[in-house]
Protein backbone atom coordinates (compact mmCIF):
# COMPACT_ATOMS: atom_id res chain seq x y z
CA UNK A 1 -8.13 55.27 -52.38
CA UNK A 2 -11.22 53.69 -53.83
CA UNK A 3 -13.59 54.82 -56.52
CA UNK A 4 -17.17 55.44 -55.41
CA UNK A 5 -20.13 55.34 -57.77
CA UNK A 6 -23.20 57.28 -56.66
CA UNK A 7 -26.64 57.06 -58.21
CA UNK A 8 -28.85 60.16 -58.43
CA UNK A 9 -32.49 60.41 -59.46
CA UNK A 10 -33.26 63.77 -61.02
CA UNK A 11 -36.78 65.16 -61.00
CA UNK A 12 -36.91 67.72 -63.79
CA UNK A 13 -35.39 68.55 -67.14
CA UNK A 14 -33.04 71.14 -65.64
CA UNK A 15 -31.95 71.13 -62.02
CA UNK A 16 -28.98 71.58 -59.74
CA UNK A 17 -28.58 69.03 -56.94
CA UNK A 18 -26.31 69.94 -54.03
CA UNK A 19 -23.99 66.94 -53.54
CA UNK A 20 -21.56 68.61 -51.12
CA UNK A 21 -22.61 66.38 -48.20
CA UNK A 22 -22.15 63.23 -50.25
CA UNK A 23 -18.65 64.31 -51.29
CA UNK A 24 -17.68 65.22 -47.70
CA UNK A 25 -19.08 61.88 -46.50
CA UNK A 26 -16.91 60.09 -49.07
CA UNK A 27 -13.83 61.98 -47.83
CA UNK A 28 -14.61 60.88 -44.26
CA UNK A 29 -15.33 57.26 -45.22
CA UNK A 30 -12.10 57.04 -47.18
CA UNK A 31 -10.08 58.60 -44.36
CA UNK A 32 -8.72 61.14 -46.83
CA UNK A 33 -6.82 63.67 -44.72
CA UNK A 34 -4.87 65.79 -47.21
CA UNK A 35 -5.13 65.62 -50.97
CA UNK A 36 -7.86 66.10 -53.53
CA UNK A 37 -11.19 64.58 -54.42
CA UNK A 38 -12.29 64.28 -58.03
CA UNK A 39 -16.00 64.58 -58.78
CA UNK A 40 -16.87 63.25 -62.23
CA UNK A 41 -20.08 63.02 -64.28
CA UNK A 42 -19.99 60.45 -67.13
CA UNK A 43 -22.97 61.92 -69.01
CA UNK A 44 -23.04 64.17 -72.08
CA UNK A 45 -26.16 66.02 -70.91
CA UNK A 46 -25.23 66.68 -67.26
CA UNK A 47 -22.26 68.17 -65.44
CA UNK A 48 -20.60 69.20 -62.18
CA UNK A 49 -20.09 72.76 -60.94
CA UNK A 50 -19.21 74.65 -57.77
CA UNK A 51 -21.23 77.72 -56.86
CA UNK A 52 -23.15 79.42 -54.08
CA UNK A 53 -25.27 77.17 -51.87
CA UNK A 54 -26.65 79.75 -49.41
CA UNK A 55 -29.34 81.40 -51.54
CA UNK A 56 -31.57 79.09 -53.65
CA UNK A 57 -32.24 81.97 -56.03
CA UNK A 58 -28.72 81.50 -57.41
CA UNK A 59 -29.67 78.04 -58.74
CA UNK A 60 -32.86 79.50 -60.22
CA UNK A 61 -30.96 82.34 -61.90
CA UNK A 62 -28.30 80.03 -63.32
CA UNK A 63 -30.82 77.59 -64.75
CA UNK A 64 -32.88 80.47 -66.16
CA UNK A 65 -29.86 82.04 -67.84
CA UNK A 66 -28.64 78.75 -69.31
CA UNK A 67 -32.10 78.35 -70.84
CA UNK A 68 -31.85 81.84 -72.32
CA UNK A 69 -28.38 81.21 -73.76
CA UNK A 70 -29.22 77.67 -74.92
CA UNK A 71 -32.97 77.51 -75.67
CA UNK A 72 -34.49 74.04 -75.78
CA UNK A 73 -35.62 74.53 -79.37
CA UNK A 74 -33.82 76.37 -82.14
CA UNK A 75 -34.53 76.17 -85.85
CA UNK A 76 -30.85 75.51 -86.65
CA UNK A 77 -30.33 72.61 -84.21
CA UNK A 78 -29.61 69.40 -86.12
CA UNK A 79 -29.16 66.75 -83.42
CA UNK A 80 -31.85 64.14 -84.08
CA UNK A 81 -32.58 63.44 -80.39
CA UNK A 82 -33.80 67.01 -79.94
CA UNK A 83 -31.68 67.73 -76.87
CA UNK A 84 -28.94 69.93 -78.32
CA UNK A 85 -29.46 72.51 -75.57
CA UNK A 86 -28.63 69.93 -72.91
CA UNK A 87 -25.36 69.04 -74.64
CA UNK A 88 -24.41 72.70 -74.91
CA UNK A 89 -25.19 73.36 -71.24
CA UNK A 90 -23.25 70.29 -70.10
CA UNK A 91 -20.19 71.31 -72.11
CA UNK A 92 -20.36 74.81 -70.67
CA UNK A 93 -20.54 73.50 -67.08
CA UNK A 94 -18.00 70.71 -67.57
CA UNK A 95 -17.91 67.06 -66.58
CA UNK A 96 -15.80 67.31 -63.43
CA UNK A 97 -14.43 69.32 -60.53
CA UNK A 98 -11.43 68.83 -58.27
CA UNK A 99 -11.62 69.98 -54.64
CA UNK A 100 -8.69 70.22 -52.25
CA UNK A 101 -9.00 68.30 -48.97
CA UNK A 102 -7.14 69.53 -45.87
CA UNK A 103 -7.36 67.90 -42.45
CA UNK A 104 -10.22 65.73 -43.71
CA UNK A 105 -12.37 68.67 -44.85
CA UNK A 106 -13.29 69.95 -48.30
CA UNK A 107 -11.71 73.34 -48.98
CA UNK A 108 -14.67 75.35 -50.23
CA UNK A 109 -15.49 79.02 -49.83
CA UNK A 110 -17.98 80.11 -47.19
CA UNK A 111 -20.92 80.06 -49.59
CA UNK A 112 -19.76 77.35 -52.00
CA UNK A 113 -21.36 73.99 -52.68
CA UNK A 114 -20.79 71.22 -55.21
CA UNK A 115 -23.65 70.66 -57.65
CA UNK A 116 -24.68 67.90 -60.01
CA UNK A 117 -26.33 69.74 -62.91
CA UNK A 118 -29.06 67.92 -64.83
CA UNK A 119 -29.93 69.27 -68.27
CA UNK A 120 -31.95 66.45 -69.83
CA UNK A 121 -34.00 64.88 -67.06
CA UNK A 122 -35.67 63.43 -65.28
CA UNK A 123 -33.27 60.49 -65.29
CA UNK A 124 -31.26 58.18 -63.11
CA UNK A 125 -27.71 59.48 -63.23
CA UNK A 126 -24.28 58.41 -62.05
CA UNK A 127 -21.53 60.41 -60.39
CA UNK A 128 -18.06 59.13 -59.50
CA UNK A 129 -15.81 60.20 -56.63
CA UNK A 130 -12.08 59.47 -56.37
CA UNK A 131 -9.82 60.64 -53.58
CA UNK A 132 -6.07 61.08 -53.94
CA UNK A 133 -3.91 61.45 -50.85
CA UNK A 134 -0.91 63.73 -50.99
């Protein structure tokens, strides 16, 4: 199975981009029938998560709460770039997800979607996909 590199252009400092279709398309293109697909983000200020994709208010609420937990400015932050909050958010979300593939379809719950989470945008970002048969 090949490795696919996707480029994403984010539009705001914090956002969640639904990439479920892109991942499913990769599974189809690769002919992956049964196995897993790895979704990986190689950035220290962005991440990958799985959550509800039916109600857009969920994305709003998650981004709002991450901002409350990790405010953009804090008098004790020491990182010279001034984006400590984005590093904290990205570490909380994580850099990758693994999704099971069965009969060529992603195994996700009824309301689940795969999200690229931007915490220090807008930027051009990269996401990698790798399928493993078996």
